[in-house]
Each structure stands twice: as C-alpha cells, then as structure tokens.
Amino acid sequence: MSLLRSLSGRLLLLTILFVMLAEVLIFVPSVARFREAYLQERILRANIAALNVMARGDDAISPGFAEQLLRNAEVLNIVVREEGRRELILSVDEMVEVTETYDLRDADVFTLIGDALAAMFESEPQVIRVIGQPDGMAKALEITLDTGPLVTEMRAYGLRILRLSLVISVMTAGLVFLTFRRFVVSPIAGVIESMMRFSADPGRADAVIRPRSRVGEVAEAERALAAMQTELRRALHQRARLAALGEAVAKISHDLRNILASTQLLADRLERSSDPIVTRVAPKLLSSLDRAIRLCQSSLDFGKAEEAPPVIRQVDLASLAADVAEGLGLDGEVTPVRAVLEVPPGMTVPADPEQLYRVLANLMRNAKEAISATGRSGTVTVRAGIGNGVAEIDIEDDGPGMPAAAMEHIFEPFRGGARRGGTGLGLAIAHELVEAVGGRLELIASTTAGTRFRITLPTAASGRGSGKT
C-alpha cells in the first residue's frame, strides 16, 4: 500500500500541512514585529546621534564625524520634531526622494503587518521616512533610510522561520506518525489479521483475537470482535454437532420406525380382546403408536432442516388436551402430578392436530418434570378461551419456576434447558411449530410460585400450509 493511500501516510502529510499553516499564522506577525523592531532600533541610534550633535551646541562638527554618525545609525537624514517644528540635525550631502512615510507612534497591528508584507515583496530598494519617539523622550524623531538592508534582513529572517517551521513540521509529523502507527494502525492491522486468520480457519482456538490495545476505542473494537468470533465459533461448532446429531437421529428413527411398526401389528390384536380395560386402552395405544411412527417418518426428513408444512383443520382442544394429559400420566394415578383442564366443551381451534399435540405435550411434560423435581405433588393447569379473533391457551404449573439463565435463551435449542441435563429442544420445537401456523408462544410469568406459558392462535386458519382433511 502506497504512503498516500495509507491512513498513517495521509495523517503524516496532513500533520505537516497543518503545522506549516500554523507556522504561517505565526510567521506574518513575526515578520511585522521584526520590521518594527528594526525601525525602532534605527530610531534609537538616530536619537543617540542627534544627542551627540545637540550636546556640542553651536560648535560645528566635521563632515567626517557627521558621516560617521549617520553610518552608525544606518540612516540618511535625522530630523527632530517638536511642537510642529522640524529641525534637520544630520543629513547626507546629496538630495534623496522619499517614496513612503511611516509613523510608528500610532500604527496598529494590521497596519504593521500590511507594511511588512509590502516590504517583503519589494522589487527595488526605496527610500522611506520613519517617524518615531524614543522612550522617555519628549521630542519625536524623523529619519530617512534606504530599505535595501531592511528587506534583505527581513527575507533572511523569513527563510530562518521557514526552515525552522519545516523542521518542526517534519518532527511533529514524524512523532504523530509513529504514535499513530503504534497505538492505532498496529492494533487495527492486528484486528484485520485476526479477521483474515479466523476467516481462513474458524475452528482454530488461536484464531480468536486477544484484546491487547490500550486505546479505548480500539480496545472496545477488539473486545467486540473477540466476542463475535467466540459466538460464531460456538455457533459453527453447534451446527456441526447438530448435523452429526441429525444424521444419527435419522438412522435411529429408521430403525425405531421398523420396531414400532412391528409393535403396532401386535397391538392390533389387542382390539379383539374382550377385556373391557384392554378395549378402552387399545385405541389410545394404537393412536400413540401411529403418532410415534409418523414422528419417526418425519425425522427421516431431517435433512430439510424444517418441519413439514402444517395441515390445518378444526381441532377439538378439550379432547386433544385430555389425550395429552393421559399420555403423560397426569391423571394422578401414576405420579402425584395431575392435570386440571379448564377448556370450554366443544371449543375448537384451527391447527395441525399432530403438531399441536406435540406443542402441548412438550409444555405439559416440562411442567410435570419441574414439579416432580421438587418431590411434592402439584397440578398442571390448561386454560383456554377465544376473544378478539384469537384463541389463547395457557399452560400453568405450580412448580419452582425457571432459572434466570434458562429464561434468557428460552426458545434457543441446547441453551434454553430449564433443568440439568435438558437440551431445550422441547421449547424450541414448540415455538417453531406455533409460529408455523401464524401463532405465538410466549412466557408470561415464571416465579417461585410457578410458570405460565401462553399459546396464541388465530381463530381463522392461516394461509401457511393450511388444508382440509
């Protein structure tokens, strides 16, 4: 990457430019101040020469001594001004033409700057008149001088400032350049290198960046990148595990389907039994076997990474909830946990019966296991009602509530498990199945007094995957 295209290179050039600009802003008043000091010094020298002449009184001074005084003062003429009167003290023999007159007694800053800049760019030396008043003197002095030496010294002074400005600019820019590369460019280059290394092989443990910068913004960027890379590695690892799990589940489902099919054939014979208990239980057993076989079959389609489209029809919610409760043993005979069904008789909801069964089974099973973990009895209550174009189904238990960590990722597979050893797949699957028919599954409350989930379904069949059977 060329210097001009790099961030540090551009900063280097901009720093030099800005420092030079600052030096120019300093240069202009400095040159004006130099010119004023130069002229004031000539006024002081002329004052000394004038005092020498006036101290002699009426004694005439020799031409050689007068010339020496003018040469020391570096002026051509010296005039004393007092109360509107002008007295020539010293003068050269030849006549000179004055081109400009400058009065230093009342000149402001901008006038001095303008005069200095004009003098700097003079093409030919001129003869100027300067009026000033030395400190402590009542009389003003008027001197005439050639601008050639003044312009030469001003230009030499300007060149010294220019060289000094260049040195300061380069040194400042160099320090800024090195500092910027050390504290900004190098960390950013490290971030870029880490991103490229991570992109090449996300599985490597050392691919995740280690925040090291002490610059606040860069350190924050490094921490954000490290968090993102860590999360992405975890997601990729989880996806790989899910892929392996899917392959294993497909194989298990295939074998399990064959086993269940054989069991179903044996269970068919139970329907011919004259035992009244067997006669009552056999249809439910066959229905459960049919459901298990269909579930195994759908698991074989795991490679599609999605559930089969729901087949919507009107489902008798009370009957379905009773089947789920009985299938989970929530009648209070096997376990101390029992189901309380508060579903209006004849209430129907548009849903896929198999998928709604799985949703209720997942939620009610979780509630049962949460209560059983406490070692005491309890109830799982199912309430339902219709209003405002939606059907609401609440599944509530009087268990100990869900851990805070589980509620943060409640519908995420392998992260929302509410109990030790749980995978969180039940809630994730239930959430997906409810959303597939245009509904919503949400956690209403979870405290030490119990947990309540709510299923909201539209009372009109959703267009997604709807059908009639």
Protein backbone atom coordinates (compact mmCIF):
# COMPACT_ATOMS: atom_id res chain seq x y z
CA MET A 1 0.00 0.00 0.00
CA SER A 2 1.42 3.40 -1.01
CA LEU A 3 2.08 6.06 1.58
CA LEU A 4 -0.60 8.40 0.23
CA ARG A 5 -3.25 5.67 0.35
CA SER A 6 -2.48 4.51 3.87
CA LEU A 7 -4.18 6.07 6.87
CA SER A 8 -0.91 6.83 8.64
CA GLY A 9 0.63 8.30 5.46
CA ARG A 10 -2.26 10.68 4.98
CA LEU A 11 -2.08 11.65 8.62
CA LEU A 12 1.64 12.39 8.17
CA LEU A 13 1.04 14.71 5.23
CA LEU A 14 -1.92 16.41 6.89
CA THR A 15 0.12 16.99 10.05
CA ILE A 16 2.90 18.63 8.04
CA LEU A 17 0.33 20.77 6.23
CA PHE A 18 -1.44 21.85 9.41
CA VAL A 19 1.80 22.64 11.26
CA MET A 20 3.00 24.70 8.29
CA LEU A 21 -0.32 26.52 8.25
CA ALA A 22 0.08 27.28 11.95
CA GLU A 23 3.61 28.49 11.30
CA VAL A 24 2.34 30.80 8.55
CA LEU A 25 -0.13 32.29 11.01
CA ILE A 26 2.81 32.87 13.35
CA PHE A 27 5.17 33.98 10.56
CA VAL A 28 3.16 37.01 9.39
CA PRO A 29 3.02 38.84 12.75
CA SER A 30 6.60 37.75 13.47
CA VAL A 31 7.88 39.45 10.31
CA ALA A 32 5.85 42.55 11.15
CA ARG A 33 7.35 42.56 14.62
CA PHE A 34 10.84 42.12 13.16
CA ARG A 35 10.38 45.12 10.84
CA GLU A 36 9.04 47.28 13.66
CA ALA A 37 11.97 46.33 15.90
CA TYR A 38 14.41 47.08 13.09
CA LEU A 39 12.96 50.56 12.55
CA GLN A 40 12.73 51.27 16.29
CA GLU A 41 16.38 50.37 16.63
CA ARG A 42 17.25 52.86 13.88
CA ILE A 43 15.21 55.47 15.73
CA LEU A 44 17.24 54.80 18.90
CA ARG A 45 20.54 55.00 17.03
CA ALA A 46 19.43 58.23 15.36
CA ASN A 47 18.47 59.59 18.76
CA ILE A 48 21.99 58.90 20.07
CA ALA A 49 23.50 60.63 17.05
CA ALA A 50 21.15 63.62 17.49
CA LEU A 51 22.07 63.91 21.18
CA ASN A 52 25.76 63.97 20.22
CA VAL A 53 25.15 66.82 17.79
CA MET A 54 22.92 68.79 20.15
CA ALA A 55 25.42 68.37 23.00
CA ARG A 56 28.04 70.30 21.03
CA GLY A 57 25.77 73.31 20.87
CA ASP A 58 26.97 75.89 18.36
CA ASP A 59 30.24 74.05 17.74
CA ALA A 60 30.30 72.82 14.20
CA ILE A 61 31.02 69.17 13.58
CA SER A 62 33.26 67.95 10.86
CA PRO A 63 31.77 66.31 7.77
CA GLY A 64 33.64 63.13 8.56
CA PHE A 65 32.16 62.91 12.06
CA ALA A 66 28.64 63.60 10.71
CA GLU A 67 29.08 60.88 8.13
CA GLN A 68 30.27 58.51 10.86
CA LEU A 69 27.19 59.25 12.98
CA LEU A 70 24.83 58.63 10.04
CA ARG A 71 26.63 55.42 9.11
CA ASN A 72 26.41 54.11 12.70
CA ALA A 73 22.69 54.93 12.78
CA GLU A 74 22.27 53.42 9.27
CA VAL A 75 20.10 56.35 8.19
CA LEU A 76 20.34 59.14 5.60
CA ASN A 77 18.74 62.05 7.49
CA ILE A 78 17.84 62.83 11.11
CA VAL A 79 15.16 65.41 11.89
CA VAL A 80 13.92 66.43 15.34
CA ARG A 81 10.19 67.21 15.52
CA GLU A 82 8.92 69.38 18.38
CA GLU A 83 5.65 71.32 18.68
CA GLY A 84 5.03 71.34 14.96
CA ARG A 85 8.58 72.43 14.22
CA ARG A 86 11.11 70.35 12.30
CA GLU A 87 14.87 70.75 12.75
CA LEU A 88 17.35 68.99 10.49
CA ILE A 89 20.16 67.60 12.67
CA LEU A 90 22.17 65.46 10.25
CA SER A 91 21.89 64.86 6.53
CA VAL A 92 23.81 63.42 3.62
CA ASP A 93 25.08 65.83 1.02
CA GLU A 94 23.00 64.58 -1.93
CA MET A 95 19.26 65.00 -2.20
CA VAL A 96 17.11 61.84 -1.95
CA GLU A 97 13.49 61.27 -2.93
CA VAL A 98 11.28 59.79 -0.23
CA THR A 99 8.68 57.32 -1.55
CA GLU A 100 6.76 56.44 1.64
CA THR A 101 6.33 57.80 5.18
CA TYR A 102 5.59 55.53 8.17
CA ASP A 103 4.61 56.77 11.61
CA LEU A 104 5.38 54.19 14.31
CA ARG A 105 3.78 56.21 17.09
CA ASP A 106 0.17 55.25 16.40
CA ALA A 107 0.43 52.28 13.98
CA ASP A 108 -1.90 49.35 14.79
CA VAL A 109 -1.15 45.66 14.32
CA PHE A 110 -2.86 45.31 10.96
CA THR A 111 -1.06 48.38 9.57
CA LEU A 112 2.30 46.98 10.67
CA ILE A 113 1.51 43.57 9.10
CA GLY A 114 0.44 45.17 5.82
CA ASP A 115 3.55 47.36 5.66
CA ALA A 116 5.80 44.35 6.45
CA LEU A 117 4.28 42.19 3.71
CA ALA A 118 4.59 45.03 1.21
CA ALA A 119 8.26 45.49 2.13
CA MET A 120 8.96 41.74 1.80
CA PHE A 121 7.93 41.73 -1.85
CA GLU A 122 9.56 44.99 -2.96
CA SER A 123 11.24 44.57 -6.33
CA GLU A 124 13.61 47.57 -5.92
CA PRO A 125 15.03 49.28 -2.79
CA GLN A 126 13.28 52.50 -1.80
CA VAL A 127 13.94 55.48 0.46
CA ILE A 128 11.37 55.83 3.23
CA ARG A 129 10.72 58.28 6.03
CA VAL A 130 10.05 56.86 9.51
CA ILE A 131 8.69 58.87 12.44
CA GLY A 132 9.11 57.55 15.97
CA GLN A 133 9.50 58.65 19.55
CA PRO A 134 12.17 57.04 21.75
CA ASP A 135 11.12 56.00 25.22
CA GLY A 136 11.45 58.82 27.77
CA MET A 137 11.89 61.50 25.11
CA ALA A 138 9.53 64.42 24.64
CA LYS A 139 10.72 65.01 21.11
CA ALA A 140 9.90 62.83 18.12
CA LEU A 141 12.49 61.86 15.56
CA GLU A 142 12.16 61.60 11.84
CA ILE A 143 14.67 59.51 9.95
CA THR A 144 15.18 58.69 6.31
CA LEU A 145 16.71 55.37 5.30
CA ASP A 146 17.26 53.01 2.41
CA THR A 147 15.02 49.87 2.58
CA GLY A 148 17.60 47.61 0.90
CA PRO A 149 19.26 46.36 4.13
CA LEU A 150 15.85 46.12 5.83
CA VAL A 151 14.37 43.94 3.07
CA THR A 152 17.49 41.76 2.98
CA GLU A 153 17.32 41.12 6.72
CA MET A 154 13.55 40.56 6.64
CA ARG A 155 13.92 37.95 3.90
CA ALA A 156 16.76 36.24 5.74
CA TYR A 157 14.61 36.20 8.89
CA GLY A 158 11.70 34.74 6.88
CA LEU A 159 13.91 31.98 5.50
CA ARG A 160 15.08 31.11 9.00
CA ILE A 161 11.49 30.84 10.17
CA LEU A 162 10.61 28.75 7.10
CA ARG A 163 13.48 26.32 7.75
CA LEU A 164 12.57 26.12 11.42
CA SER A 165 8.92 25.55 10.50
CA LEU A 166 9.86 22.72 8.17
CA VAL A 167 11.98 21.09 10.86
CA ILE A 168 9.20 21.46 13.43
CA SER A 169 6.59 20.17 10.96
CA VAL A 170 8.61 17.11 9.99
CA MET A 171 9.49 16.32 13.61
CA THR A 172 5.90 16.79 14.77
CA ALA A 173 4.50 14.81 11.87
CA GLY A 174 7.05 12.06 12.46
CA LEU A 175 6.14 11.80 16.13
CA VAL A 176 2.43 11.80 15.29
CA PHE A 177 3.05 9.22 12.56
CA LEU A 178 4.96 6.87 14.88
CA THR A 179 2.46 7.33 17.70
CA PHE A 180 -0.48 6.75 15.37
CA ARG A 181 1.10 3.62 13.92
CA ARG A 182 1.93 2.33 17.40
CA PHE A 183 -1.42 2.93 19.07
CA VAL A 184 -3.93 2.89 16.18
CA VAL A 185 -2.62 1.40 12.92
CA SER A 186 -0.84 -1.57 14.50
CA PRO A 187 -3.92 -2.61 16.57
CA ILE A 188 -6.16 -2.16 13.52
CA ALA A 189 -3.74 -4.24 11.46
CA GLY A 190 -3.92 -6.86 14.21
CA VAL A 191 -7.72 -6.80 14.02
CA ILE A 192 -7.60 -7.22 10.23
CA GLU A 193 -5.08 -10.06 10.50
CA SER A 194 -7.24 -11.78 13.12
CA MET A 195 -10.30 -11.48 10.87
CA MET A 196 -8.42 -12.97 7.94
CA ARG A 197 -6.98 -15.77 10.09
CA PHE A 198 -10.41 -16.51 11.54
CA SER A 199 -11.96 -16.47 8.07
CA ALA A 200 -9.38 -18.97 6.84
CA ASP A 201 -9.91 -21.42 9.71
CA PRO A 202 -12.63 -20.56 12.27
CA GLY A 203 -12.05 -23.84 14.10
CA ARG A 204 -8.60 -22.90 15.40
CA ALA A 205 -8.61 -21.88 19.05
CA ASP A 206 -5.92 -19.23 18.46
CA ALA A 207 -7.98 -17.67 15.64
CA VAL A 208 -9.94 -15.63 18.19
CA ILE A 209 -8.31 -12.25 18.74
CA ARG A 210 -6.90 -11.41 22.16
CA PRO A 211 -7.62 -7.77 23.06
CA ARG A 212 -4.34 -6.01 23.85
CA SER A 213 -4.72 -2.38 22.79
CA ARG A 214 -4.74 0.31 25.47
CA VAL A 215 -6.57 2.79 23.26
CA GLY A 216 -10.19 2.86 24.41
CA GLU A 217 -11.92 2.75 21.04
CA VAL A 218 -9.55 0.17 19.54
CA ALA A 219 -9.73 -1.96 22.68
CA GLU A 220 -13.52 -1.86 22.51
CA ALA A 221 -13.40 -2.93 18.85
CA GLU A 222 -11.06 -5.81 19.76
CA ARG A 223 -13.37 -6.94 22.56
CA ALA A 224 -16.40 -6.77 20.26
CA LEU A 225 -14.56 -8.77 17.59
CA ALA A 226 -13.42 -11.35 20.15
CA ALA A 227 -17.00 -11.74 21.41
CA MET A 228 -18.30 -12.08 17.84
CA GLN A 229 -15.64 -14.63 16.89
CA THR A 230 -16.27 -16.63 20.07
CA GLU A 231 -20.00 -16.65 19.44
CA LEU A 232 -19.51 -17.59 15.80
CA ARG A 233 -17.14 -20.44 16.73
CA ARG A 234 -19.73 -21.69 19.20
CA ALA A 235 -22.48 -21.45 16.58
CA LEU A 236 -20.37 -23.26 13.97
CA HIS A 237 -19.46 -25.94 16.49
CA GLN A 238 -23.10 -26.32 17.47
CA ARG A 239 -24.13 -26.52 13.84
CA ALA A 240 -21.59 -29.25 13.23
CA ARG A 241 -22.89 -31.15 16.24
CA LEU A 242 -26.47 -30.67 15.06
CA ALA A 243 -25.51 -32.02 11.64
CA ALA A 244 -23.98 -35.09 13.26
CA LEU A 245 -26.98 -35.39 15.57
CA GLY A 246 -29.34 -35.14 12.60
CA GLU A 247 -27.57 -37.98 10.85
CA ALA A 248 -27.69 -40.09 14.00
CA VAL A 249 -31.37 -39.30 14.60
CA ALA A 250 -32.21 -40.23 11.02
CA LYS A 251 -30.59 -43.64 11.49
CA ILE A 252 -32.26 -44.19 14.86
CA SER A 253 -35.65 -43.05 13.51
CA HIS A 254 -35.36 -45.51 10.65
CA ASP A 255 -34.73 -48.45 12.96
CA LEU A 256 -37.26 -47.21 15.53
CA ARG A 257 -39.92 -46.91 12.87
CA ASN A 258 -39.46 -50.58 11.97
CA ILE A 259 -39.67 -51.58 15.62
CA LEU A 260 -42.83 -49.52 16.16
CA ALA A 261 -44.39 -50.96 13.04
CA SER A 262 -43.87 -54.46 14.43
CA THR A 263 -45.29 -53.35 17.78
CA GLN A 264 -48.31 -51.89 16.02
CA LEU A 265 -49.04 -55.23 14.39
CA LEU A 266 -49.00 -56.90 17.80
CA ALA A 267 -51.14 -54.13 19.29
CA ASP A 268 -53.78 -54.63 16.59
CA ARG A 269 -54.60 -57.98 18.20
CA LEU A 270 -55.50 -56.20 21.45
CA GLU A 271 -58.54 -54.68 19.75
CA ARG A 272 -60.07 -58.17 19.58
CA SER A 273 -59.70 -58.69 23.31
CA SER A 274 -62.88 -58.98 25.39
CA ASP A 275 -61.25 -57.39 28.44
CA PRO A 276 -63.06 -54.06 28.98
CA ILE A 277 -59.87 -52.28 30.21
CA VAL A 278 -57.93 -53.50 27.19
CA THR A 279 -60.81 -52.47 24.93
CA ARG A 280 -60.67 -48.94 26.38
CA VAL A 281 -56.88 -48.61 26.28
CA ALA A 282 -56.15 -50.32 22.95
CA PRO A 283 -57.39 -47.50 20.65
CA LYS A 284 -55.31 -44.96 22.54
CA LEU A 285 -52.29 -47.24 22.39
CA LEU A 286 -52.71 -47.70 18.64
CA SER A 287 -53.15 -43.93 18.23
CA SER A 288 -49.92 -43.32 20.16
CA LEU A 289 -48.09 -45.89 18.04
CA ASP A 290 -49.40 -44.26 14.87
CA ARG A 291 -48.20 -40.88 16.12
CA ALA A 292 -44.78 -42.27 17.03
CA ILE A 293 -44.40 -43.89 13.62
CA ARG A 294 -45.33 -40.64 11.87
CA LEU A 295 -42.87 -38.75 14.05
CA CYS A 296 -40.10 -41.18 13.13
CA GLN A 297 -41.00 -40.80 9.49
CA SER A 298 -40.84 -37.02 9.70
CA SER A 299 -37.48 -37.29 11.47
CA LEU A 300 -36.14 -39.07 8.41
CA ASP A 301 -36.70 -35.79 6.57
CA PHE A 302 -34.32 -34.05 8.94
CA GLY A 303 -32.09 -33.02 6.06
CA LYS A 304 -34.73 -30.49 5.06
CA ALA A 305 -33.88 -28.56 8.28
CA GLU A 306 -37.56 -27.66 8.74
CA GLU A 307 -40.87 -29.12 9.84
CA ALA A 308 -43.34 -30.46 7.30
CA PRO A 309 -45.99 -27.88 6.34
CA PRO A 310 -48.88 -27.98 8.82
CA VAL A 311 -52.21 -29.38 7.72
CA ILE A 312 -54.77 -27.08 9.33
CA ARG A 313 -58.15 -28.24 10.48
CA GLN A 314 -60.51 -27.56 13.35
CA VAL A 315 -59.22 -29.45 16.40
CA ASP A 316 -61.30 -30.24 19.49
CA LEU A 317 -59.00 -28.69 22.08
CA ALA A 318 -60.58 -30.32 25.14
CA SER A 319 -60.27 -33.81 23.67
CA LEU A 320 -56.70 -33.18 22.49
CA ALA A 321 -55.63 -31.80 25.89
CA ALA A 322 -57.19 -34.82 27.62
CA ASP A 323 -55.25 -37.16 25.31
CA VAL A 324 -52.00 -35.34 26.12
CA ALA A 325 -52.68 -35.43 29.86
CA GLU A 326 -53.46 -39.14 29.77
CA GLY A 327 -50.44 -39.86 27.59
CA LEU A 328 -48.20 -38.10 30.09
CA GLY A 329 -49.76 -39.87 33.06
CA LEU A 330 -51.17 -36.68 34.54
CA ASP A 331 -54.28 -38.41 35.89
CA GLY A 332 -52.74 -38.59 39.36
CA GLU A 333 -52.69 -42.38 39.43
CA VAL A 334 -49.09 -42.91 38.40
CA THR A 335 -47.50 -39.66 39.62
CA PRO A 336 -48.51 -37.08 42.27
CA VAL A 337 -48.77 -34.51 39.49
CA ARG A 338 -52.18 -34.22 37.88
CA ALA A 339 -53.69 -32.15 35.09
CA VAL A 340 -56.53 -29.68 35.53
CA LEU A 341 -58.23 -28.97 32.20
CA GLU A 342 -60.27 -25.76 32.08
CA VAL A 343 -61.14 -25.86 28.40
CA PRO A 344 -64.70 -24.96 27.35
CA PRO A 345 -66.52 -28.03 25.96
CA GLY A 346 -66.70 -28.01 22.18
CA MET A 347 -64.00 -25.36 21.77
CA THR A 348 -62.09 -25.86 18.54
CA VAL A 349 -59.01 -24.14 17.18
CA PRO A 350 -57.54 -24.19 13.66
CA ALA A 351 -54.30 -26.16 13.91
CA ASP A 352 -52.42 -29.21 12.76
CA PRO A 353 -53.54 -31.79 15.36
CA GLU A 354 -50.26 -33.68 15.36
CA GLN A 355 -48.18 -30.55 15.77
CA LEU A 356 -50.50 -29.03 18.40
CA TYR A 357 -50.32 -32.32 20.29
CA ARG A 358 -46.52 -32.06 20.29
CA VAL A 359 -46.64 -28.45 21.47
CA LEU A 360 -48.98 -29.23 24.38
CA ALA A 361 -47.02 -32.38 25.21
CA ASN A 362 -43.73 -30.50 25.36
CA LEU A 363 -45.10 -27.74 27.58
CA MET A 364 -47.06 -30.07 29.89
CA ARG A 365 -44.14 -32.51 30.16
CA ASN A 366 -41.82 -29.67 31.17
CA ALA A 367 -44.32 -28.54 33.79
CA LYS A 368 -44.68 -32.08 35.14
CA GLU A 369 -40.92 -32.58 35.36
CA ALA A 370 -40.46 -29.18 37.08
CA ILE A 371 -42.97 -30.15 39.78
CA SER A 372 -41.65 -33.72 40.13
CA ALA A 373 -38.13 -32.36 40.71
CA THR A 374 -39.35 -30.78 43.95
CA GLY A 375 -40.55 -34.14 45.32
CA ARG A 376 -44.04 -32.88 46.05
CA SER A 377 -47.43 -33.06 44.37
CA GLY A 378 -48.79 -30.35 42.12
CA THR A 379 -51.02 -29.50 39.24
CA VAL A 380 -50.60 -28.61 35.57
CA THR A 381 -53.48 -26.39 34.51
CA VAL A 382 -54.60 -25.89 30.92
CA ARG A 383 -56.92 -22.92 30.37
CA ALA A 384 -58.33 -21.76 27.06
CA GLY A 385 -60.60 -19.08 25.68
CA ILE A 386 -61.44 -17.24 22.46
CA GLY A 387 -61.72 -13.49 22.02
CA ASN A 388 -60.69 -10.66 19.69
CA GLY A 389 -60.09 -13.04 16.81
CA VAL A 390 -57.58 -15.24 18.62
CA ALA A 391 -57.58 -18.33 20.79
CA GLU A 392 -55.44 -18.23 23.91
CA ILE A 393 -54.22 -21.42 25.59
CA ASP A 394 -52.41 -21.07 28.93
CA ILE A 395 -50.32 -23.90 30.39
CA GLU A 396 -49.59 -23.16 34.03
CA ASP A 397 -47.90 -25.12 36.81
CA ASP A 398 -47.24 -24.55 40.49
CA GLY A 399 -43.60 -25.62 40.30
CA PRO A 400 -40.48 -23.74 41.43
CA GLY A 401 -40.15 -21.55 38.33
CA MET A 402 -37.41 -21.42 35.70
CA PRO A 403 -33.79 -20.40 36.29
CA ALA A 404 -32.82 -16.92 35.07
CA ALA A 405 -30.21 -18.40 32.71
CA ALA A 406 -32.86 -20.56 31.03
CA MET A 407 -35.23 -17.60 30.54
CA GLU A 408 -32.54 -15.61 28.72
CA HIS A 409 -32.38 -18.21 25.92
CA ILE A 410 -35.74 -19.83 26.45
CA PHE A 411 -36.55 -20.74 22.84
CA GLU A 412 -32.98 -21.49 21.68
CA PRO A 413 -32.07 -25.17 21.22
CA PHE A 414 -29.39 -26.51 23.57
CA ARG A 415 -29.39 -23.21 25.52
CA GLY A 416 -32.87 -22.89 26.99
CA GLY A 417 -32.98 -26.08 29.06
CA ALA A 418 -34.76 -25.44 32.36
CA ARG A 419 -33.32 -28.44 34.21
CA ARG A 420 -29.93 -30.09 34.48
CA GLY A 421 -29.39 -32.38 31.52
CA GLY A 422 -32.16 -30.75 29.48
CA THR A 423 -31.46 -29.76 25.88
CA GLY A 424 -34.06 -27.03 25.49
CA LEU A 425 -35.24 -28.68 22.27
CA GLY A 426 -38.82 -29.07 23.51
CA LEU A 427 -39.50 -25.37 23.89
CA ALA A 428 -37.58 -24.55 20.69
CA ILE A 429 -39.66 -27.06 18.70
CA ALA A 430 -42.90 -25.88 20.28
CA HIS A 431 -42.06 -22.27 19.44
CA GLU A 432 -41.31 -23.17 15.83
CA LEU A 433 -44.50 -25.22 15.42
CA VAL A 434 -46.73 -22.47 16.82
CA GLU A 435 -45.15 -19.81 14.60
CA ALA A 436 -45.65 -22.07 11.56
CA VAL A 437 -49.44 -21.58 11.82
CA GLY A 438 -49.20 -17.83 12.42
CA GLY A 439 -49.43 -18.10 16.21
CA ARG A 440 -47.23 -17.03 19.08
CA LEU A 441 -45.73 -18.86 22.05
CA GLU A 442 -44.51 -16.72 24.93
CA LEU A 443 -43.51 -16.99 28.55
CA ILE A 444 -46.00 -14.96 30.59
CA ALA A 445 -44.50 -15.41 34.05
CA SER A 446 -42.05 -17.61 35.91
CA THR A 447 -41.64 -17.16 39.66
CA THR A 448 -41.19 -19.36 42.70
CA ALA A 449 -44.97 -19.75 42.66
CA GLY A 450 -44.98 -21.35 39.21
CA THR A 451 -44.61 -20.84 35.47
CA ARG A 452 -47.17 -19.90 32.83
CA PHE A 453 -46.82 -20.16 29.04
CA ARG A 454 -49.37 -18.82 26.57
CA ILE A 455 -50.15 -20.10 23.07
CA THR A 456 -51.95 -17.56 20.88
CA LEU A 457 -53.55 -18.89 17.70
CA PRO A 458 -55.64 -17.05 15.10
CA THR A 459 -59.19 -18.34 15.06
CA ALA A 460 -59.19 -18.23 11.24
CA ALA A 461 -56.94 -20.81 9.58
CA SER A 462 -53.61 -19.34 8.49
CA GLY A 463 -52.80 -19.41 4.82
CA ARG A 464 -49.45 -21.03 5.51
CA GLY A 465 -49.70 -24.74 4.90
CA SER A 466 -53.43 -24.79 5.57
CA GLY A 467 -55.59 -27.54 4.22
CA LYS A 468 -58.56 -29.77 4.99
CA THR A 469 -58.68 -33.42 5.93
